[in-house]
Amino acid sequence: MHTHNYQETVIITNGKCKVCVADRVCELNENDYVFIDGQVKHAILNHGELLEFFCIIDYVDDMSIQVINEERT
């Protein structure tokens, strides 16, 4: 999981994945998308399958990423 100041839109173009946003987990398939607001913890999880996606972000002065160390279950 990580956070950053910028908004992010992820569009799946091939494959499938799980996306964790805050406390929600959903599965995305080809042609699905998710919008993630800035400062919201999130992660994209690929379990060994081919995964291709576009990540569209807005530009802000601070483009740093803050990693959140959490134990996976």
PDB file of N, CA and C in Angstrom:
ATOM      1  N   MET A   1       0.854  -1.179   0.000  1.00  0.00           N
ATOM      2  CA  MET A   1       0.000   0.000   0.000  1.00  0.00           C
ATOM      3  C   MET A   1       0.900   1.243   0.000  1.00  0.00           C
ATOM      4  N   HIS A   2       0.381   2.291  -0.578  1.00  0.00           N
ATOM      5  CA  HIS A   2       1.108   3.551  -0.589  1.00  0.00           C
ATOM      6  C   HIS A   2       0.110   4.699  -0.767  1.00  0.00           C
ATOM      7  N   THR A   3       0.598   5.893  -0.554  1.00  0.00           N
ATOM      8  CA  THR A   3      -0.194   7.106  -0.802  1.00  0.00           C
ATOM      9  C   THR A   3       0.676   8.102  -1.547  1.00  0.00           C
ATOM     10  N   HIS A   4       0.034   9.087  -2.130  1.00  0.00           N
ATOM     11  CA  HIS A   4       0.721  10.222  -2.746  1.00  0.00           C
ATOM     12  C   HIS A   4      -0.283  11.357  -2.868  1.00  0.00           C
ATOM     13  N   ASN A   5       0.208  12.536  -3.180  1.00  0.00           N
ATOM     14  CA  ASN A   5      -0.655  13.712  -3.218  1.00  0.00           C
ATOM     15  C   ASN A   5      -1.518  13.807  -4.471  1.00  0.00           C
ATOM     16  N   TYR A   6      -1.157  13.106  -5.524  1.00  0.00           N
ATOM     17  CA  TYR A   6      -1.876  13.261  -6.789  1.00  0.00           C
ATOM     18  C   TYR A   6      -2.995  12.240  -6.949  1.00  0.00           C
ATOM     19  N   GLN A   7      -3.988  12.630  -7.751  1.00  0.00           N
ATOM     20  CA  GLN A   7      -5.080  11.733  -8.110  1.00  0.00           C
ATOM     21  C   GLN A   7      -4.591  10.777  -9.183  1.00  0.00           C
ATOM     22  N   GLU A   8      -5.205   9.604  -9.241  1.00  0.00           N
ATOM     23  CA  GLU A   8      -4.745   8.570 -10.160  1.00  0.00           C
ATOM     24  C   GLU A   8      -5.966   7.832 -10.720  1.00  0.00           C
ATOM     25  N   THR A   9      -5.966   7.614 -12.016  1.00  0.00           N
ATOM     26  CA  THR A   9      -6.966   6.763 -12.652  1.00  0.00           C
ATOM     27  C   THR A   9      -6.228   5.596 -13.280  1.00  0.00           C
ATOM     28  N   VAL A  10      -6.643   4.383 -12.951  1.00  0.00           N
ATOM     29  CA  VAL A  10      -6.022   3.173 -13.484  1.00  0.00           C
ATOM     30  C   VAL A  10      -7.042   2.493 -14.392  1.00  0.00           C
ATOM     31  N   ILE A  11      -6.642   2.230 -15.653  1.00  0.00           N
ATOM     32  CA  ILE A  11      -7.502   1.577 -16.632  1.00  0.00           C
ATOM     33  C   ILE A  11      -6.843   0.262 -17.029  1.00  0.00           C
ATOM     34  N   ILE A  12      -7.527  -0.859 -16.810  1.00  0.00           N
ATOM     35  CA  ILE A  12      -6.990  -2.170 -17.132  1.00  0.00           C
ATOM     36  C   ILE A  12      -7.207  -2.427 -18.623  1.00  0.00           C
ATOM     37  N   THR A  13      -6.122  -2.684 -19.357  1.00  0.00           N
ATOM     38  CA  THR A  13      -6.223  -2.939 -20.796  1.00  0.00           C
ATOM     39  C   THR A  13      -6.057  -4.412 -21.148  1.00  0.00           C
ATOM     40  N   ASN A  14      -5.467  -5.202 -20.228  1.00  0.00           N
ATOM     41  CA  ASN A  14      -5.296  -6.629 -20.467  1.00  0.00           C
ATOM     42  C   ASN A  14      -5.087  -7.332 -19.133  1.00  0.00           C
ATOM     43  N   GLY A  15      -5.796  -8.430 -18.907  1.00  0.00           N
ATOM     44  CA  GLY A  15      -5.633  -9.200 -17.681  1.00  0.00           C
ATOM     45  C   GLY A  15      -6.611  -8.772 -16.611  1.00  0.00           C
ATOM     46  N   LYS A  16      -6.314  -9.182 -15.389  1.00  0.00           N
ATOM     47  CA  LYS A  16      -7.144  -8.816 -14.250  1.00  0.00           C
ATOM     48  C   LYS A  16      -6.259  -8.674 -13.027  1.00  0.00           C
ATOM     49  N   CYS A  17      -6.779  -7.968 -12.021  1.00  0.00           N
ATOM     50  CA  CYS A  17      -6.009  -7.724 -10.807  1.00  0.00           C
ATOM     51  C   CYS A  17      -6.972  -7.403  -9.673  1.00  0.00           C
ATOM     52  N   LYS A  18      -6.433  -7.389  -8.479  1.00  0.00           N
ATOM     53  CA  LYS A  18      -7.165  -6.879  -7.327  1.00  0.00           C
ATOM     54  C   LYS A  18      -6.618  -5.493  -7.023  1.00  0.00           C
ATOM     55  N   VAL A  19      -7.518  -4.597  -6.674  1.00  0.00           N
ATOM     56  CA  VAL A  19      -7.134  -3.242  -6.313  1.00  0.00           C
ATOM     57  C   VAL A  19      -7.642  -2.977  -4.904  1.00  0.00           C
ATOM     58  N   CYS A  20      -6.748  -2.553  -4.043  1.00  0.00           N
ATOM     59  CA  CYS A  20      -7.096  -2.179  -2.674  1.00  0.00           C
ATOM     60  C   CYS A  20      -7.094  -0.655  -2.610  1.00  0.00           C
ATOM     61  N   VAL A  21      -8.205  -0.087  -2.209  1.00  0.00           N
ATOM     62  CA  VAL A  21      -8.323   1.364  -2.053  1.00  0.00           C
ATOM     63  C   VAL A  21      -8.931   1.612  -0.690  1.00  0.00           C
ATOM     64  N   ALA A  22      -8.152   2.252   0.179  1.00  0.00           N
ATOM     65  CA  ALA A  22      -8.552   2.440   1.578  1.00  0.00           C
ATOM     66  C   ALA A  22      -8.826   1.061   2.168  1.00  0.00           C
ATOM     67  N   ASP A  23     -10.049   0.803   2.615  1.00  0.00           N
ATOM     68  CA  ASP A  23     -10.379  -0.494   3.204  1.00  0.00           C
ATOM     69  C   ASP A  23     -11.196  -1.380   2.272  1.00  0.00           C
ATOM     70  N   ARG A  24     -11.295  -1.008   1.001  1.00  0.00           N
ATOM     71  CA  ARG A  24     -12.059  -1.792   0.025  1.00  0.00           C
ATOM     72  C   ARG A  24     -11.117  -2.569  -0.887  1.00  0.00           C
ATOM     73  N   VAL A  25     -11.545  -3.762  -1.276  1.00  0.00           N
ATOM     74  CA  VAL A  25     -10.809  -4.573  -2.239  1.00  0.00           C
ATOM     75  C   VAL A  25     -11.783  -4.958  -3.345  1.00  0.00           C
ATOM     76  N   CYS A  26     -11.386  -4.741  -4.595  1.00  0.00           N
ATOM     77  CA  CYS A  26     -12.240  -5.143  -5.706  1.00  0.00           C
ATOM     78  C   CYS A  26     -11.380  -5.768  -6.797  1.00  0.00           C
ATOM     79  N   GLU A  27     -12.004  -6.564  -7.633  1.00  0.00           N
ATOM     80  CA  GLU A  27     -11.303  -7.172  -8.752  1.00  0.00           C
ATOM     81  C   GLU A  27     -11.629  -6.388 -10.006  1.00  0.00           C
ATOM     82  N   LEU A  28     -10.584  -6.040 -10.742  1.00  0.00           N
ATOM     83  CA  LEU A  28     -10.766  -5.330 -12.003  1.00  0.00           C
ATOM     84  C   LEU A  28     -10.370  -6.246 -13.145  1.00  0.00           C
ATOM     85  N   ASN A  29     -11.131  -6.187 -14.230  1.00  0.00           N
ATOM     86  CA  ASN A  29     -10.880  -6.956 -15.438  1.00  0.00           C
ATOM     87  C   ASN A  29     -10.627  -6.005 -16.598  1.00  0.00           C
ATOM     88  N   GLU A  30     -10.306  -6.563 -17.742  1.00  0.00           N
ATOM     89  CA  GLU A  30     -10.054  -5.764 -18.931  1.00  0.00           C
ATOM     90  C   GLU A  30     -11.177  -4.757 -19.157  1.00  0.00           C
ATOM     91  N   ASN A  31     -10.806  -3.515 -19.428  1.00  0.00           N
ATOM     92  CA  ASN A  31     -11.699  -2.375 -19.679  1.00  0.00           C
ATOM     93  C   ASN A  31     -12.317  -1.781 -18.416  1.00  0.00           C
ATOM     94  N   ASP A  32     -12.025  -2.315 -17.239  1.00  0.00           N
ATOM     95  CA  ASP A  32     -12.469  -1.693 -15.991  1.00  0.00           C
ATOM     96  C   ASP A  32     -11.505  -0.576 -15.617  1.00  0.00           C
ATOM     97  N   TYR A  33     -11.965   0.323 -14.775  1.00  0.00           N
ATOM     98  CA  TYR A  33     -11.091   1.393 -14.294  1.00  0.00           C
ATOM     99  C   TYR A  33     -11.457   1.745 -12.860  1.00  0.00           C
ATOM    100  N   VAL A  34     -10.511   2.404 -12.197  1.00  0.00           N
ATOM    101  CA  VAL A  34     -10.742   2.883 -10.838  1.00  0.00           C
ATOM    102  C   VAL A  34     -10.116   4.272 -10.718  1.00  0.00           C
ATOM    103  N   PHE A  35     -10.795   5.150  -9.996  1.00  0.00           N
ATOM    104  CA  PHE A  35     -10.284   6.484  -9.685  1.00  0.00           C
ATOM    105  C   PHE A  35      -9.856   6.490  -8.228  1.00  0.00           C
ATOM    106  N   ILE A  36      -8.646   6.963  -7.978  1.00  0.00           N
ATOM    107  CA  ILE A  36      -8.115   7.005  -6.615  1.00  0.00           C
ATOM    108  C   ILE A  36      -7.738   8.449  -6.309  1.00  0.00           C
ATOM    109  N   ASP A  37      -8.339   9.004  -5.288  1.00  0.00           N
ATOM    110  CA  ASP A  37      -8.055  10.384  -4.910  1.00  0.00           C
ATOM    111  C   ASP A  37      -6.685  10.485  -4.239  1.00  0.00           C
ATOM    112  N   GLY A  38      -6.127  11.650  -4.192  1.00  0.00           N
ATOM    113  CA  GLY A  38      -4.848  11.865  -3.531  1.00  0.00           C
ATOM    114  C   GLY A  38      -4.933  11.575  -2.036  1.00  0.00           C
ATOM    115  N   GLN A  39      -3.842  11.107  -1.449  1.00  0.00           N
ATOM    116  CA  GLN A  39      -3.716  10.787  -0.030  1.00  0.00           C
ATOM    117  C   GLN A  39      -4.604   9.624   0.426  1.00  0.00           C
ATOM    118  N   VAL A  40      -5.096   8.808  -0.510  1.00  0.00           N
ATOM    119  CA  VAL A  40      -5.857   7.605  -0.165  1.00  0.00           C
ATOM    120  C   VAL A  40      -4.924   6.406  -0.356  1.00  0.00           C
ATOM    121  N   LYS A  41      -4.767   5.570   0.680  1.00  0.00           N
ATOM    122  CA  LYS A  41      -3.861   4.431   0.560  1.00  0.00           C
ATOM    123  C   LYS A  41      -4.433   3.432  -0.438  1.00  0.00           C
ATOM    124  N   HIS A  42      -3.530   2.854  -1.249  1.00  0.00           N
ATOM    125  CA  HIS A  42      -3.985   1.931  -2.282  1.00  0.00           C
ATOM    126  C   HIS A  42      -2.840   1.042  -2.768  1.00  0.00           C
ATOM    127  N   ALA A  43      -3.218  -0.028  -3.468  1.00  0.00           N
ATOM    128  CA  ALA A  43      -2.256  -0.953  -4.069  1.00  0.00           C
ATOM    129  C   ALA A  43      -2.939  -1.712  -5.187  1.00  0.00           C
ATOM    130  N   ILE A  44      -2.155  -2.119  -6.183  1.00  0.00           N
ATOM    131  CA  ILE A  44      -2.622  -2.983  -7.257  1.00  0.00           C
ATOM    132  C   ILE A  44      -1.912  -4.315  -7.083  1.00  0.00           C
ATOM    133  N   LEU A  45      -2.683  -5.393  -7.004  1.00  0.00           N
ATOM    134  CA  LEU A  45      -2.120  -6.720  -6.761  1.00  0.00           C
ATOM    135  C   LEU A  45      -2.338  -7.606  -7.980  1.00  0.00           C
ATOM    136  N   ASN A  46      -1.245  -8.110  -8.527  1.00  0.00           N
ATOM    137  CA  ASN A  46      -1.283  -9.023  -9.657  1.00  0.00           C
ATOM    138  C   ASN A  46      -0.748 -10.364  -9.182  1.00  0.00           C
ATOM    139  N   HIS A  47      -1.508 -11.414  -9.403  1.00  0.00           N
ATOM    140  CA  HIS A  47      -1.116 -12.728  -8.902  1.00  0.00           C
ATOM    141  C   HIS A  47      -0.529 -13.600 -10.004  1.00  0.00           C
ATOM    142  N   GLY A  48       0.442 -13.069 -10.742  1.00  0.00           N
ATOM    143  CA  GLY A  48       1.193 -13.858 -11.704  1.00  0.00           C
ATOM    144  C   GLY A  48       0.653 -13.871 -13.118  1.00  0.00           C
ATOM    145  N   GLU A  49      -0.493 -13.308 -13.349  1.00  0.00           N
ATOM    146  CA  GLU A  49      -1.033 -13.246 -14.702  1.00  0.00           C
ATOM    147  C   GLU A  49      -0.479 -12.029 -15.425  1.00  0.00           C
ATOM    148  N   LEU A  50      -0.584 -12.068 -16.757  1.00  0.00           N
ATOM    149  CA  LEU A  50      -0.233 -10.894 -17.539  1.00  0.00           C
ATOM    150  C   LEU A  50      -1.190  -9.765 -17.163  1.00  0.00           C
ATOM    151  N   LEU A  51      -0.639  -8.608 -16.866  1.00  0.00           N
ATOM    152  CA  LEU A  51      -1.453  -7.452 -16.514  1.00  0.00           C
ATOM    153  C   LEU A  51      -0.885  -6.236 -17.218  1.00  0.00           C
ATOM    154  N   GLU A  52      -1.733  -5.547 -17.950  1.00  0.00           N
ATOM    155  CA  GLU A  52      -1.353  -4.298 -18.592  1.00  0.00           C
ATOM    156  C   GLU A  52      -2.391  -3.242 -18.230  1.00  0.00           C
ATOM    157  N   PHE A  53      -1.909  -2.034 -17.913  1.00  0.00           N
ATOM    158  CA  PHE A  53      -2.840  -0.968 -17.549  1.00  0.00           C
ATOM    159  C   PHE A  53      -2.209   0.382 -17.824  1.00  0.00           C
ATOM    160  N   PHE A  54      -3.068   1.372 -17.961  1.00  0.00           N
ATOM    161  CA  PHE A  54      -2.651   2.768 -18.035  1.00  0.00           C
ATOM    162  C   PHE A  54      -2.868   3.377 -16.666  1.00  0.00           C
ATOM    163  N   CYS A  55      -1.938   4.193 -16.244  1.00  0.00           N
ATOM    164  CA  CYS A  55      -2.061   4.937 -15.004  1.00  0.00           C
ATOM    165  C   CYS A  55      -2.003   6.419 -15.374  1.00  0.00           C
ATOM    166  N   ILE A  56      -3.103   7.105 -15.181  1.00  0.00           N
ATOM    167  CA  ILE A  56      -3.207   8.517 -15.547  1.00  0.00           C
ATOM    168  C   ILE A  56      -3.223   9.336 -14.272  1.00  0.00           C
ATOM    169  N   ILE A  57      -2.301  10.280 -14.175  1.00  0.00           N
ATOM    170  CA  ILE A  57      -2.201  11.087 -12.966  1.00  0.00           C
ATOM    171  C   ILE A  57      -2.234  12.574 -13.323  1.00  0.00           C
ATOM    172  N   ASP A  58      -2.642  13.374 -12.353  1.00  0.00           N
ATOM    173  CA  ASP A  58      -2.514  14.815 -12.515  1.00  0.00           C
ATOM    174  C   ASP A  58      -1.176  15.227 -11.915  1.00  0.00           C
ATOM    175  N   TYR A  59      -0.632  16.302 -12.367  1.00  0.00           N
ATOM    176  CA  TYR A  59       0.662  16.757 -11.873  1.00  0.00           C
ATOM    177  C   TYR A  59       0.460  17.701 -10.700  1.00  0.00           C
ATOM    178  N   VAL A  60       1.190  17.431  -9.637  1.00  0.00           N
ATOM    179  CA  VAL A  60       1.210  18.340  -8.484  1.00  0.00           C
ATOM    180  C   VAL A  60       2.663  18.632  -8.157  1.00  0.00           C
ATOM    181  N   ASP A  61       2.899  19.640  -7.345  1.00  0.00           N
ATOM    182  CA  ASP A  61       4.272  20.006  -7.001  1.00  0.00           C
ATOM    183  C   ASP A  61       5.026  18.877  -6.303  1.00  0.00           C
ATOM    184  N   ASP A  62       4.329  18.088  -5.504  1.00  0.00           N
ATOM    185  CA  ASP A  62       4.968  16.993  -4.763  1.00  0.00           C
ATOM    186  C   ASP A  62       4.562  15.664  -5.391  1.00  0.00           C
ATOM    187  N   MET A  63       5.457  15.042  -6.150  1.00  0.00           N
ATOM    188  CA  MET A  63       5.176  13.771  -6.825  1.00  0.00           C
ATOM    189  C   MET A  63       5.733  12.580  -6.049  1.00  0.00           C
ATOM    190  N   SER A  64       6.103  12.781  -4.789  1.00  0.00           N
ATOM    191  CA  SER A  64       6.681  11.688  -3.997  1.00  0.00           C
ATOM    192  C   SER A  64       5.613  10.659  -3.622  1.00  0.00           C
ATOM    193  N   ILE A  65       6.075   9.443  -3.334  1.00  0.00           N
ATOM    194  CA  ILE A  65       5.211   8.333  -2.921  1.00  0.00           C
ATOM    195  C   ILE A  65       5.612   7.924  -1.518  1.00  0.00           C
ATOM    196  N   GLN A  66       4.626   7.769  -0.634  1.00  0.00           N
ATOM    197  CA  GLN A  66       4.871   7.326   0.730  1.00  0.00           C
ATOM    198  C   GLN A  66       4.410   5.879   0.855  1.00  0.00           C
ATOM    199  N   VAL A  67       5.349   4.977   1.119  1.00  0.00           N
ATOM    200  CA  VAL A  67       5.037   3.559   1.272  1.00  0.00           C
ATOM    201  C   VAL A  67       4.481   3.322   2.668  1.00  0.00           C
ATOM    202  N   ILE A  68       3.409   2.540   2.738  1.00  0.00           N
ATOM    203  CA  ILE A  68       2.800   2.185   4.012  1.00  0.00           C
ATOM    204  C   ILE A  68       3.101   0.721   4.259  1.00  0.00           C
ATOM    205  N   ASN A  69       3.866   0.434   5.287  1.00  0.00           N
ATOM    206  CA  ASN A  69       4.220  -0.943   5.615  1.00  0.00           C
ATOM    207  C   ASN A  69       3.100  -1.578   6.410  1.00  0.00           C
ATOM    208  N   GLU A  70       2.394  -2.495   5.763  1.00  0.00           N
ATOM    209  CA  GLU A  70       1.306  -3.217   6.401  1.00  0.00           C
ATOM    210  C   GLU A  70       1.519  -4.704   6.154  1.00  0.00           C
ATOM    211  N   GLU A  71       1.105  -5.507   7.093  1.00  0.00           N
ATOM    212  CA  GLU A  71       1.182  -6.957   6.938  1.00  0.00           C
ATOM    213  C   GLU A  71       0.040  -7.392   6.036  1.00  0.00           C
ATOM    214  N   ARG A  72       0.348  -8.218   5.032  1.00  0.00           N
ATOM    215  CA  ARG A  72      -0.689  -8.779   4.157  1.00  0.00           C
ATOM    216  C   ARG A  72      -1.240 -10.030   4.782  1.00  0.00           C
ATOM    217  N   THR A  73      -2.539 -10.215   4.601  1.00  0.00           N
ATOM    218  CA  THR A  73      -3.183 -11.424   5.109  1.00  0.00           C
ATOM    219  C   THR A  73      -3.554 -12.343   3.985  1.00  0.00           C
TER     220      THR A  73
END
